[in-house]
Amino acid sequence: TNLPWMHPEVEDAVRDAINLRYRLMPYLWQCVEQACRDDVP
């Protein structure tokens, strides 16, 4: 099964990439709201 910890040698970097998503979540959510309000991708 593909899992974030399936390769220990890159596990920290995988976790960092997922954490980046959460760090930018307020901006990503703004983009979603804009998409639904203004009909833009």
PDB file of all heavy atoms in Angstrom:
ATOM      1  N   THR A   1       0.844  -1.197   0.000  1.00  0.00           N
ATOM      2  CA  THR A   1       0.000   0.000   0.000  1.00  0.00           C
ATOM      3  C   THR A   1       0.874   1.240   0.000  1.00  0.00           C
ATOM      4  O   THR A   1       1.833   1.331   0.775  1.00  0.00           O
ATOM      5  CB  THR A   1      -0.904   0.007   1.249  1.00  0.00           C
ATOM      6  OG1 THR A   1      -1.803  -1.104   1.174  1.00  0.00           O
ATOM      7  CG2 THR A   1      -1.700   1.289   1.338  1.00  0.00           C
ATOM      8  N   ASN A   2       0.560   2.204  -0.873  1.00  0.00           N
ATOM      9  CA  ASN A   2       1.251   3.494  -0.830  1.00  0.00           C
ATOM     10  C   ASN A   2       0.886   4.204   0.475  1.00  0.00           C
ATOM     11  O   ASN A   2      -0.286   4.512   0.718  1.00  0.00           O
ATOM     12  CB  ASN A   2       0.822   4.382  -2.006  1.00  0.00           C
ATOM     13  CG  ASN A   2       1.345   3.885  -3.338  1.00  0.00           C
ATOM     14  OD1 ASN A   2       2.168   2.974  -3.405  1.00  0.00           O
ATOM     15  ND2 ASN A   2       0.858   4.485  -4.415  1.00  0.00           N
ATOM     16  N   LEU A   3       1.886   4.465   1.301  1.00  0.00           N
ATOM     17  CA  LEU A   3       1.689   5.152   2.571  1.00  0.00           C
ATOM     18  C   LEU A   3       2.789   6.186   2.761  1.00  0.00           C
ATOM     19  O   LEU A   3       3.917   6.000   2.254  1.00  0.00           O
ATOM     20  CB  LEU A   3       1.726   4.154   3.736  1.00  0.00           C
ATOM     21  CG  LEU A   3       0.570   3.138   3.794  1.00  0.00           C
ATOM     22  CD1 LEU A   3       0.886   2.037   4.791  1.00  0.00           C
ATOM     23  CD2 LEU A   3      -0.736   3.834   4.149  1.00  0.00           C
ATOM     24  N   PRO A   4       2.552   7.261   3.487  1.00  0.00           N
ATOM     25  CA  PRO A   4       3.573   8.312   3.635  1.00  0.00           C
ATOM     26  C   PRO A   4       4.875   7.806   4.242  1.00  0.00           C
ATOM     27  O   PRO A   4       5.939   8.362   3.969  1.00  0.00           O
ATOM     28  CB  PRO A   4       2.894   9.336   4.552  1.00  0.00           C
ATOM     29  CG  PRO A   4       1.436   9.120   4.350  1.00  0.00           C
ATOM     30  CD  PRO A   4       1.281   7.651   4.115  1.00  0.00           C
ATOM     31  N   TRP A   5       4.786   6.763   5.060  1.00  0.00           N
ATOM     32  CA  TRP A   5       5.988   6.265   5.743  1.00  0.00           C
ATOM     33  C   TRP A   5       6.553   4.996   5.096  1.00  0.00           C
ATOM     34  O   TRP A   5       7.384   4.310   5.693  1.00  0.00           O
ATOM     35  CB  TRP A   5       5.663   5.995   7.210  1.00  0.00           C
ATOM     36  CG  TRP A   5       4.461   5.113   7.408  1.00  0.00           C
ATOM     37  CD1 TRP A   5       4.411   3.751   7.362  1.00  0.00           C
ATOM     38  CD2 TRP A   5       3.123   5.539   7.677  1.00  0.00           C
ATOM     39  NE1 TRP A   5       3.140   3.291   7.579  1.00  0.00           N
ATOM     40  CE2 TRP A   5       2.321   4.383   7.781  1.00  0.00           C
ATOM     41  CE3 TRP A   5       2.512   6.787   7.839  1.00  0.00           C
ATOM     42  CZ2 TRP A   5       0.951   4.439   8.040  1.00  0.00           C
ATOM     43  CZ3 TRP A   5       1.161   6.839   8.101  1.00  0.00           C
ATOM     44  CH2 TRP A   5       0.393   5.683   8.195  1.00  0.00           C
ATOM     45  N   MET A   6       6.142   4.679   3.864  1.00  0.00           N
ATOM     46  CA  MET A   6       6.560   3.415   3.258  1.00  0.00           C
ATOM     47  C   MET A   6       8.045   3.377   2.936  1.00  0.00           C
ATOM     48  O   MET A   6       8.628   2.292   2.832  1.00  0.00           O
ATOM     49  CB  MET A   6       5.740   3.134   1.992  1.00  0.00           C
ATOM     50  CG  MET A   6       5.957   4.113   0.859  1.00  0.00           C
ATOM     51  SD  MET A   6       4.790   3.859  -0.522  1.00  0.00           S
ATOM     52  CE  MET A   6       5.184   2.183  -1.044  1.00  0.00           C
ATOM     53  N   HIS A   7       8.685   4.532   2.777  1.00  0.00           N
ATOM     54  CA  HIS A   7      10.128   4.595   2.509  1.00  0.00           C
ATOM     55  C   HIS A   7      10.771   5.462   3.587  1.00  0.00           C
ATOM     56  O   HIS A   7      10.718   6.700   3.514  1.00  0.00           O
ATOM     57  CB  HIS A   7      10.399   5.187   1.125  1.00  0.00           C
ATOM     58  CG  HIS A   7       9.893   4.351  -0.012  1.00  0.00           C
ATOM     59  ND1 HIS A   7      10.267   3.038  -0.193  1.00  0.00           N
ATOM     60  CD2 HIS A   7       9.043   4.652  -1.031  1.00  0.00           C
ATOM     61  CE1 HIS A   7       9.678   2.555  -1.273  1.00  0.00           C
ATOM     62  NE2 HIS A   7       8.929   3.506  -1.797  1.00  0.00           N
ATOM     63  N   PRO A   8      11.376   4.864   4.605  1.00  0.00           N
ATOM     64  CA  PRO A   8      11.933   5.652   5.714  1.00  0.00           C
ATOM     65  C   PRO A   8      12.913   6.724   5.278  1.00  0.00           C
ATOM     66  O   PRO A   8      12.998   7.787   5.919  1.00  0.00           O
ATOM     67  CB  PRO A   8      12.625   4.582   6.578  1.00  0.00           C
ATOM     68  CG  PRO A   8      11.880   3.315   6.272  1.00  0.00           C
ATOM     69  CD  PRO A   8      11.513   3.411   4.820  1.00  0.00           C
ATOM     70  N   GLU A   9      13.652   6.474   4.181  1.00  0.00           N
ATOM     71  CA  GLU A   9      14.670   7.444   3.772  1.00  0.00           C
ATOM     72  C   GLU A   9      14.090   8.769   3.286  1.00  0.00           C
ATOM     73  O   GLU A   9      14.805   9.784   3.228  1.00  0.00           O
ATOM     74  CB  GLU A   9      15.596   6.836   2.699  1.00  0.00           C
ATOM     75  CG  GLU A   9      14.889   6.382   1.433  1.00  0.00           C
ATOM     76  CD  GLU A   9      14.491   4.919   1.461  1.00  0.00           C
ATOM     77  OE1 GLU A   9      13.874   4.473   2.454  1.00  0.00           O
ATOM     78  OE2 GLU A   9      14.787   4.210   0.465  1.00  0.00           O
ATOM     79  N   VAL A  10      12.803   8.805   2.919  1.00  0.00           N
ATOM     80  CA  VAL A  10      12.194  10.070   2.496  1.00  0.00           C
ATOM     81  C   VAL A  10      10.994  10.439   3.373  1.00  0.00           C
ATOM     82  O   VAL A  10      10.267  11.380   3.056  1.00  0.00           O
ATOM     83  CB  VAL A  10      11.759  10.024   1.011  1.00  0.00           C
ATOM     84  CG1 VAL A  10      12.959   9.866   0.091  1.00  0.00           C
ATOM     85  CG2 VAL A  10      10.722   8.924   0.766  1.00  0.00           C
ATOM     86  N   GLU A  11      10.789   9.725   4.457  1.00  0.00           N
ATOM     87  CA  GLU A  11       9.592   9.951   5.277  1.00  0.00           C
ATOM     88  C   GLU A  11       9.527  11.385   5.791  1.00  0.00           C
ATOM     89  O   GLU A  11       8.460  12.020   5.764  1.00  0.00           O
ATOM     90  CB  GLU A  11       9.566   8.977   6.452  1.00  0.00           C
ATOM     91  CG  GLU A  11       8.346   9.153   7.337  1.00  0.00           C
ATOM     92  CD  GLU A  11       8.354   8.213   8.539  1.00  0.00           C
ATOM     93  OE1 GLU A  11       8.954   7.128   8.452  1.00  0.00           O
ATOM     94  OE2 GLU A  11       7.743   8.586   9.565  1.00  0.00           O
ATOM     95  N   ASP A  12      10.636  11.928   6.258  1.00  0.00           N
ATOM     96  CA  ASP A  12      10.624  13.303   6.770  1.00  0.00           C
ATOM     97  C   ASP A  12      10.236  14.296   5.677  1.00  0.00           C
ATOM     98  O   ASP A  12       9.464  15.233   5.920  1.00  0.00           O
ATOM     99  CB  ASP A  12      11.994  13.670   7.338  1.00  0.00           C
ATOM    100  CG  ASP A  12      12.290  12.951   8.652  1.00  0.00           C
ATOM    101  OD1 ASP A  12      11.352  12.394   9.259  1.00  0.00           O
ATOM    102  OD2 ASP A  12      13.474  12.929   9.058  1.00  0.00           O
ATOM    103  N   ALA A  13      10.770  14.097   4.470  1.00  0.00           N
ATOM    104  CA  ALA A  13      10.467  15.010   3.374  1.00  0.00           C
ATOM    105  C   ALA A  13       9.010  14.877   2.927  1.00  0.00           C
ATOM    106  O   ALA A  13       8.367  15.868   2.563  1.00  0.00           O
ATOM    107  CB  ALA A  13      11.408  14.763   2.200  1.00  0.00           C
ATOM    108  N   VAL A  14       8.478  13.652   2.942  1.00  0.00           N
ATOM    109  CA  VAL A  14       7.057  13.450   2.618  1.00  0.00           C
ATOM    110  C   VAL A  14       6.190  14.180   3.642  1.00  0.00           C
ATOM    111  O   VAL A  14       5.227  14.881   3.293  1.00  0.00           O
ATOM    112  CB  VAL A  14       6.719  11.946   2.572  1.00  0.00           C
ATOM    113  CG1 VAL A  14       5.206  11.735   2.564  1.00  0.00           C
ATOM    114  CG2 VAL A  14       7.350  11.299   1.344  1.00  0.00           C
ATOM    115  N   ARG A  15       6.528  14.017   4.913  1.00  0.00           N
ATOM    116  CA  ARG A  15       5.778  14.696   5.968  1.00  0.00           C
ATOM    117  C   ARG A  15       5.848  16.211   5.790  1.00  0.00           C
ATOM    118  O   ARG A  15       4.842  16.924   5.948  1.00  0.00           O
ATOM    119  CB  ARG A  15       6.313  14.305   7.338  1.00  0.00           C
ATOM    120  CG  ARG A  15       5.515  14.894   8.501  1.00  0.00           C
ATOM    121  CD  ARG A  15       6.169  14.629   9.853  1.00  0.00           C
ATOM    122  NE  ARG A  15       6.451  13.223  10.050  1.00  0.00           N
ATOM    123  CZ  ARG A  15       7.677  12.698   9.996  1.00  0.00           C
ATOM    124  NH1 ARG A  15       8.731  13.475   9.732  1.00  0.00           N
ATOM    125  NH2 ARG A  15       7.855  11.419  10.188  1.00  0.00           N
ATOM    126  N   ASP A  16       7.019  16.716   5.437  1.00  0.00           N
ATOM    127  CA  ASP A  16       7.168  18.162   5.231  1.00  0.00           C
ATOM    128  C   ASP A  16       6.274  18.653   4.096  1.00  0.00           C
ATOM    129  O   ASP A  16       5.694  19.753   4.175  1.00  0.00           O
ATOM    130  CB  ASP A  16       8.629  18.511   4.928  1.00  0.00           C
ATOM    131  CG  ASP A  16       9.538  18.360   6.135  1.00  0.00           C
ATOM    132  OD1 ASP A  16       9.014  18.270   7.267  1.00  0.00           O
ATOM    133  OD2 ASP A  16      10.770  18.320   5.945  1.00  0.00           O
ATOM    134  N   ALA A  17       6.167  17.862   3.023  1.00  0.00           N
ATOM    135  CA  ALA A  17       5.329  18.269   1.893  1.00  0.00           C
ATOM    136  C   ALA A  17       3.855  18.313   2.295  1.00  0.00           C
ATOM    137  O   ALA A  17       3.111  19.210   1.887  1.00  0.00           O
ATOM    138  CB  ALA A  17       5.534  17.316   0.721  1.00  0.00           C
ATOM    139  N   ILE A  18       3.422  17.338   3.113  1.00  0.00           N
ATOM    140  CA  ILE A  18       2.039  17.359   3.593  1.00  0.00           C
ATOM    141  C   ILE A  18       1.830  18.532   4.546  1.00  0.00           C
ATOM    142  O   ILE A  18       0.804  19.229   4.502  1.00  0.00           O
ATOM    143  CB  ILE A  18       1.692  16.019   4.266  1.00  0.00           C
ATOM    144  CG1 ILE A  18       1.787  14.875   3.240  1.00  0.00           C
ATOM    145  CG2 ILE A  18       0.296  16.067   4.883  1.00  0.00           C
ATOM    146  CD1 ILE A  18       1.647  13.481   3.839  1.00  0.00           C
ATOM    147  N   ASN A  19       2.818  18.779   5.404  1.00  0.00           N
ATOM    148  CA  ASN A  19       2.722  19.924   6.305  1.00  0.00           C
ATOM    149  C   ASN A  19       2.671  21.246   5.549  1.00  0.00           C
ATOM    150  O   ASN A  19       2.003  22.198   5.984  1.00  0.00           O
ATOM    151  CB  ASN A  19       3.896  19.931   7.283  1.00  0.00           C
ATOM    152  CG  ASN A  19       3.633  19.087   8.520  1.00  0.00           C
ATOM    153  OD1 ASN A  19       2.554  19.163   9.112  1.00  0.00           O
ATOM    154  ND2 ASN A  19       4.606  18.278   8.920  1.00  0.00           N
ATOM    155  N   LEU A  20       3.379  21.311   4.409  1.00  0.00           N
ATOM    156  CA  LEU A  20       3.326  22.519   3.586  1.00  0.00           C
ATOM    157  C   LEU A  20       1.887  22.795   3.146  1.00  0.00           C
ATOM    158  O   LEU A  20       1.435  23.949   3.137  1.00  0.00           O
ATOM    159  CB  LEU A  20       4.234  22.359   2.363  1.00  0.00           C
ATOM    160  CG  LEU A  20       4.139  23.478   1.308  1.00  0.00           C
ATOM    161  CD1 LEU A  20       4.658  24.796   1.875  1.00  0.00           C
ATOM    162  CD2 LEU A  20       4.921  23.084   0.055  1.00  0.00           C
ATOM    163  N   ARG A  21       1.176  21.741   2.773  1.00  0.00           N
ATOM    164  CA  ARG A  21      -0.231  21.918   2.381  1.00  0.00           C
ATOM    165  C   ARG A  21      -1.031  22.566   3.517  1.00  0.00           C
ATOM    166  O   ARG A  21      -1.810  23.499   3.285  1.00  0.00           O
ATOM    167  CB  ARG A  21      -0.834  20.570   2.014  1.00  0.00           C
ATOM    168  CG  ARG A  21      -2.303  20.645   1.588  1.00  0.00           C
ATOM    169  CD  ARG A  21      -2.845  19.275   1.241  1.00  0.00           C
ATOM    170  NE  ARG A  21      -4.214  19.328   0.723  1.00  0.00           N
ATOM    171  CZ  ARG A  21      -4.530  19.577  -0.537  1.00  0.00           C
ATOM    172  NH1 ARG A  21      -3.584  19.822  -1.425  1.00  0.00           N
ATOM    173  NH2 ARG A  21      -5.801  19.599  -0.917  1.00  0.00           N
ATOM    174  N   TYR A  22      -0.837  22.058   4.737  1.00  0.00           N
ATOM    175  CA  TYR A  22      -1.585  22.605   5.864  1.00  0.00           C
ATOM    176  C   TYR A  22      -1.126  24.021   6.206  1.00  0.00           C
ATOM    177  O   TYR A  22      -1.950  24.857   6.610  1.00  0.00           O
ATOM    178  CB  TYR A  22      -1.459  21.682   7.070  1.00  0.00           C
ATOM    179  CG  TYR A  22      -2.329  20.452   6.938  1.00  0.00           C
ATOM    180  CD1 TYR A  22      -1.849  19.284   6.355  1.00  0.00           C
ATOM    181  CD2 TYR A  22      -3.649  20.457   7.381  1.00  0.00           C
ATOM    182  CE1 TYR A  22      -2.650  18.153   6.223  1.00  0.00           C
ATOM    183  CE2 TYR A  22      -4.460  19.335   7.257  1.00  0.00           C
ATOM    184  CZ  TYR A  22      -3.955  18.190   6.665  1.00  0.00           C
ATOM    185  OH  TYR A  22      -4.757  17.075   6.526  1.00  0.00           O
ATOM    186  N   ARG A  23       0.154  24.303   6.041  1.00  0.00           N
ATOM    187  CA  ARG A  23       0.631  25.665   6.306  1.00  0.00           C
ATOM    188  C   ARG A  23      -0.011  26.653   5.339  1.00  0.00           C
ATOM    189  O   ARG A  23      -0.370  27.769   5.722  1.00  0.00           O
ATOM    190  CB  ARG A  23       2.157  25.716   6.203  1.00  0.00           C
ATOM    191  CG  ARG A  23       2.741  27.117   6.421  1.00  0.00           C
ATOM    192  CD  ARG A  23       4.219  27.065   6.739  1.00  0.00           C
ATOM    193  NE  ARG A  23       4.856  28.367   6.718  1.00  0.00           N
ATOM    194  CZ  ARG A  23       4.724  29.302   7.655  1.00  0.00           C
ATOM    195  NH1 ARG A  23       3.947  29.068   8.703  1.00  0.00           N
ATOM    196  NH2 ARG A  23       5.356  30.449   7.562  1.00  0.00           N
ATOM    197  N   LEU A  24      -0.180  26.229   4.090  1.00  0.00           N
ATOM    198  CA  LEU A  24      -0.787  27.107   3.086  1.00  0.00           C
ATOM    199  C   LEU A  24      -2.304  26.946   2.999  1.00  0.00           C
ATOM    200  O   LEU A  24      -2.934  27.499   2.093  1.00  0.00           O
ATOM    201  CB  LEU A  24      -0.160  26.841   1.712  1.00  0.00           C
ATOM    202  CG  LEU A  24       1.286  27.306   1.545  1.00  0.00           C
ATOM    203  CD1 LEU A  24       1.853  26.828   0.218  1.00  0.00           C
ATOM    204  CD2 LEU A  24       1.376  28.828   1.630  1.00  0.00           C
ATOM    205  N   MET A  25      -2.889  26.205   3.931  1.00  0.00           N
ATOM    206  CA  MET A  25      -4.333  25.955   3.889  1.00  0.00           C
ATOM    207  C   MET A  25      -5.165  27.240   3.835  1.00  0.00           C
ATOM    208  O   MET A  25      -6.153  27.311   3.078  1.00  0.00           O
ATOM    209  CB  MET A  25      -4.746  25.092   5.072  1.00  0.00           C
ATOM    210  CG  MET A  25      -6.202  24.663   5.070  1.00  0.00           C
ATOM    211  SD  MET A  25      -6.619  23.552   3.698  1.00  0.00           S
ATOM    212  CE  MET A  25      -5.730  22.066   4.182  1.00  0.00           C
ATOM    213  N   PRO A  26      -4.832  28.289   4.596  1.00  0.00           N
ATOM    214  CA  PRO A  26      -5.651  29.508   4.491  1.00  0.00           C
ATOM    215  C   PRO A  26      -5.657  30.097   3.076  1.00  0.00           C
ATOM    216  O   PRO A  26      -6.706  30.553   2.601  1.00  0.00           O
ATOM    217  CB  PRO A  26      -4.991  30.464   5.490  1.00  0.00           C
ATOM    218  CG  PRO A  26      -4.318  29.567   6.474  1.00  0.00           C
ATOM    219  CD  PRO A  26      -3.825  28.395   5.673  1.00  0.00           C
ATOM    220  N   TYR A  27      -4.516  30.057   2.403  1.00  0.00           N
ATOM    221  CA  TYR A  27      -4.473  30.556   1.031  1.00  0.00           C
ATOM    222  C   TYR A  27      -5.209  29.618   0.090  1.00  0.00           C
ATOM    223  O   TYR A  27      -5.977  30.055  -0.783  1.00  0.00           O
ATOM    224  CB  TYR A  27      -3.020  30.730   0.577  1.00  0.00           C
ATOM    225  CG  TYR A  27      -2.909  31.162  -0.881  1.00  0.00           C
ATOM    226  CD1 TYR A  27      -3.258  32.449  -1.261  1.00  0.00           C
ATOM    227  CD2 TYR A  27      -2.469  30.264  -1.853  1.00  0.00           C
ATOM    228  CE1 TYR A  27      -3.172  32.845  -2.594  1.00  0.00           C
ATOM    229  CE2 TYR A  27      -2.380  30.654  -3.186  1.00  0.00           C
ATOM    230  CZ  TYR A  27      -2.734  31.938  -3.549  1.00  0.00           C
ATOM    231  OH  TYR A  27      -2.654  32.329  -4.876  1.00  0.00           O
ATOM    232  N   LEU A  28      -5.009  28.306   0.268  1.00  0.00           N
ATOM    233  CA  LEU A  28      -5.701  27.326  -0.573  1.00  0.00           C
ATOM    234  C   LEU A  28      -7.213  27.479  -0.417  1.00  0.00           C
ATOM    235  O   LEU A  28      -7.964  27.419  -1.403  1.00  0.00           O
ATOM    236  CB  LEU A  28      -5.254  25.912  -0.193  1.00  0.00           C
ATOM    237  CG  LEU A  28      -5.825  24.748  -1.004  1.00  0.00           C
ATOM    238  CD1 LEU A  28      -5.511  24.886  -2.476  1.00  0.00           C
ATOM    239  CD2 LEU A  28      -5.277  23.415  -0.473  1.00  0.00           C
ATOM    240  N   TRP A  29      -7.674  27.705   0.805  1.00  0.00           N
ATOM    241  CA  TRP A  29      -9.106  27.889   1.024  1.00  0.00           C
ATOM    242  C   TRP A  29      -9.609  29.169   0.353  1.00  0.00           C
ATOM    243  O   TRP A  29     -10.714  29.200  -0.204  1.00  0.00           O
ATOM    244  CB  TRP A  29      -9.403  27.899   2.517  1.00  0.00           C
ATOM    245  CG  TRP A  29     -10.870  28.063   2.819  1.00  0.00           C
ATOM    246  CD1 TRP A  29     -11.465  29.104   3.463  1.00  0.00           C
ATOM    247  CD2 TRP A  29     -11.923  27.150   2.493  1.00  0.00           C
ATOM    248  NE1 TRP A  29     -12.824  28.909   3.551  1.00  0.00           N
ATOM    249  CE2 TRP A  29     -13.131  27.715   2.963  1.00  0.00           C
ATOM    250  CE3 TRP A  29     -11.966  25.913   1.847  1.00  0.00           C
ATOM    251  CZ2 TRP A  29     -14.365  27.088   2.810  1.00  0.00           C
ATOM    252  CZ3 TRP A  29     -13.196  25.291   1.683  1.00  0.00           C
ATOM    253  CH2 TRP A  29     -14.379  25.871   2.159  1.00  0.00           C
ATOM    254  N   GLN A  30      -8.815  30.215   0.372  1.00  0.00           N
ATOM    255  CA  GLN A  30      -9.175  31.430  -0.365  1.00  0.00           C
ATOM    256  C   GLN A  30      -9.372  31.121  -1.849  1.00  0.00           C
ATOM    257  O   GLN A  30     -10.304  31.630  -2.487  1.00  0.00           O
ATOM    258  CB  GLN A  30      -8.094  32.501  -0.206  1.00  0.00           C
ATOM    259  CG  GLN A  30      -8.083  33.215   1.120  1.00  0.00           C
ATOM    260  CD  GLN A  30      -7.019  34.306   1.172  1.00  0.00           C
ATOM    261  OE1 GLN A  30      -6.239  34.509   0.221  1.00  0.00           O
ATOM    262  NE2 GLN A  30      -6.969  35.032   2.274  1.00  0.00           N
ATOM    263  N   CYS A  31      -8.491  30.280  -2.398  1.00  0.00           N
ATOM    264  CA  CYS A  31      -8.593  29.919  -3.817  1.00  0.00           C
ATOM    265  C   CYS A  31      -9.877  29.139  -4.092  1.00  0.00           C
ATOM    266  O   CYS A  31     -10.519  29.335  -5.138  1.00  0.00           O
ATOM    267  CB  CYS A  31      -7.377  29.096  -4.244  1.00  0.00           C
ATOM    268  SG  CYS A  31      -5.817  29.992  -4.203  1.00  0.00           S
ATOM    269  N   VAL A  32     -10.258  28.256  -3.166  1.00  0.00           N
ATOM    270  CA  VAL A  32     -11.496  27.495  -3.332  1.00  0.00           C
ATOM    271  C   VAL A  32     -12.703  28.427  -3.274  1.00  0.00           C
ATOM    272  O   VAL A  32     -13.631  28.332  -4.094  1.00  0.00           O
ATOM    273  CB  VAL A  32     -11.591  26.394  -2.258  1.00  0.00           C
ATOM    274  CG1 VAL A  32     -12.957  25.724  -2.285  1.00  0.00           C
ATOM    275  CG2 VAL A  32     -10.493  25.356  -2.470  1.00  0.00           C
ATOM    276  N   GLU A  33     -12.707  29.322  -2.307  1.00  0.00           N
ATOM    277  CA  GLU A  33     -13.816  30.282  -2.211  1.00  0.00           C
ATOM    278  C   GLU A  33     -13.908  31.144  -3.463  1.00  0.00           C
ATOM    279  O   GLU A  33     -15.007  31.407  -3.970  1.00  0.00           O
ATOM    280  CB  GLU A  33     -13.636  31.158  -0.980  1.00  0.00           C
ATOM    281  CG  GLU A  33     -13.830  30.433   0.338  1.00  0.00           C
ATOM    282  CD  GLU A  33     -13.706  31.355   1.521  1.00  0.00           C
ATOM    283  OE1 GLU A  33     -12.731  32.137   1.579  1.00  0.00           O
ATOM    284  OE2 GLU A  33     -14.589  31.315   2.408  1.00  0.00           O
ATOM    285  N   GLN A  34     -12.759  31.566  -3.983  1.00  0.00           N
ATOM    286  CA  GLN A  34     -12.754  32.365  -5.209  1.00  0.00           C
ATOM    287  C   GLN A  34     -13.310  31.569  -6.384  1.00  0.00           C
ATOM    288  O   GLN A  34     -14.062  32.090  -7.208  1.00  0.00           O
ATOM    289  CB  GLN A  34     -11.332  32.845  -5.521  1.00  0.00           C
ATOM    290  CG  GLN A  34     -11.248  33.728  -6.755  1.00  0.00           C
ATOM    291  CD  GLN A  34      -9.817  34.009  -7.187  1.00  0.00           C
ATOM    292  OE1 GLN A  34      -8.905  33.237  -6.860  1.00  0.00           O
ATOM    293  NE2 GLN A  34      -9.604  35.096  -7.911  1.00  0.00           N
ATOM    294  N   ALA A  35     -12.941  30.285  -6.461  1.00  0.00           N
ATOM    295  CA  ALA A  35     -13.437  29.435  -7.548  1.00  0.00           C
ATOM    296  C   ALA A  35     -14.954  29.353  -7.534  1.00  0.00           C
ATOM    297  O   ALA A  35     -15.609  29.438  -8.583  1.00  0.00           O
ATOM    298  CB  ALA A  35     -12.823  28.046  -7.451  1.00  0.00           C
ATOM    299  N   CYS A  36     -15.519  29.179  -6.350  1.00  0.00           N
ATOM    300  CA  CYS A  36     -16.972  29.023  -6.240  1.00  0.00           C
ATOM    301  C   CYS A  36     -17.697  30.355  -6.379  1.00  0.00           C
ATOM    302  O   CYS A  36     -18.845  30.387  -6.841  1.00  0.00           O
ATOM    303  CB  CYS A  36     -17.314  28.366  -4.905  1.00  0.00           C
ATOM    304  SG  CYS A  36     -16.598  26.712  -4.724  1.00  0.00           S
ATOM    305  N   ARG A  37     -17.052  31.436  -6.014  1.00  0.00           N
ATOM    306  CA  ARG A  37     -17.671  32.767  -6.112  1.00  0.00           C
ATOM    307  C   ARG A  37     -17.532  33.373  -7.498  1.00  0.00           C
ATOM    308  O   ARG A  37     -18.485  33.911  -8.071  1.00  0.00           O
ATOM    309  CB  ARG A  37     -17.029  33.688  -5.071  1.00  0.00           C
ATOM    310  CG  ARG A  37     -17.603  35.099  -5.042  1.00  0.00           C
ATOM    311  CD  ARG A  37     -16.820  35.985  -4.080  1.00  0.00           C
ATOM    312  NE  ARG A  37     -15.439  36.195  -4.516  1.00  0.00           N
ATOM    313  CZ  ARG A  37     -14.370  35.797  -3.834  1.00  0.00           C
ATOM    314  NH1 ARG A  37     -14.496  35.164  -2.687  1.00  0.00           N
ATOM    315  NH2 ARG A  37     -13.152  36.035  -4.303  1.00  0.00           N
ATOM    316  N   ASP A  38     -16.327  33.261  -8.086  1.00  0.00           N
ATOM    317  CA  ASP A  38     -16.017  33.974  -9.327  1.00  0.00           C
ATOM    318  C   ASP A  38     -15.876  33.059 -10.539  1.00  0.00           C
ATOM    319  O   ASP A  38     -15.574  33.539 -11.635  1.00  0.00           O
ATOM    320  CB  ASP A  38     -14.715  34.772  -9.154  1.00  0.00           C
ATOM    321  CG  ASP A  38     -14.797  35.792  -8.029  1.00  0.00           C
ATOM    322  OD1 ASP A  38     -15.924  36.244  -7.733  1.00  0.00           O
ATOM    323  OD2 ASP A  38     -13.755  36.115  -7.437  1.00  0.00           O
ATOM    324  N   ASP A  39     -16.051  31.755 -10.357  1.00  0.00           N
ATOM    325  CA  ASP A  39     -16.009  30.797 -11.468  1.00  0.00           C
ATOM    326  C   ASP A  39     -14.649  30.792 -12.172  1.00  0.00           C
ATOM    327  O   ASP A  39     -14.562  30.825 -13.396  1.00  0.00           O
ATOM    328  CB  ASP A  39     -17.132  31.085 -12.471  1.00  0.00           C
ATOM    329  CG  ASP A  39     -18.492  31.127 -11.800  1.00  0.00           C
ATOM    330  OD1 ASP A  39     -18.878  30.110 -11.207  1.00  0.00           O
ATOM    331  OD2 ASP A  39     -19.164  32.172 -11.845  1.00  0.00           O
ATOM    332  N   VAL A  40     -13.591  30.722 -11.370  1.00  0.00           N
ATOM    333  CA  VAL A  40     -12.237  30.622 -11.904  1.00  0.00           C
ATOM    334  C   VAL A  40     -11.570  29.371 -11.342  1.00  0.00           C
ATOM    335  O   VAL A  40     -11.873  28.951 -10.221  1.00  0.00           O
ATOM    336  CB  VAL A  40     -11.375  31.867 -11.569  1.00  0.00           C
ATOM    337  CG1 VAL A  40     -11.883  33.086 -12.303  1.00  0.00           C
ATOM    338  CG2 VAL A  40     -11.343  32.117 -10.069  1.00  0.00           C
ATOM    339  N   PRO A  41     -10.662  28.746 -12.090  1.00  0.00           N
ATOM    340  CA  PRO A  41      -9.997  27.540 -11.587  1.00  0.00           C
ATOM    341  C   PRO A  41      -9.165  27.812 -10.340  1.00  0.00           C
ATOM    342  O   PRO A  41      -8.711  28.941 -10.103  1.00  0.00           O
ATOM    343  CB  PRO A  41      -9.108  27.114 -12.761  1.00  0.00           C
ATOM    344  CG  PRO A  41      -9.690  27.781 -13.966  1.00  0.00           C
ATOM    345  CD  PRO A  41     -10.280  29.069 -13.475  1.00  0.00           C
TER     346      PRO A  41
END
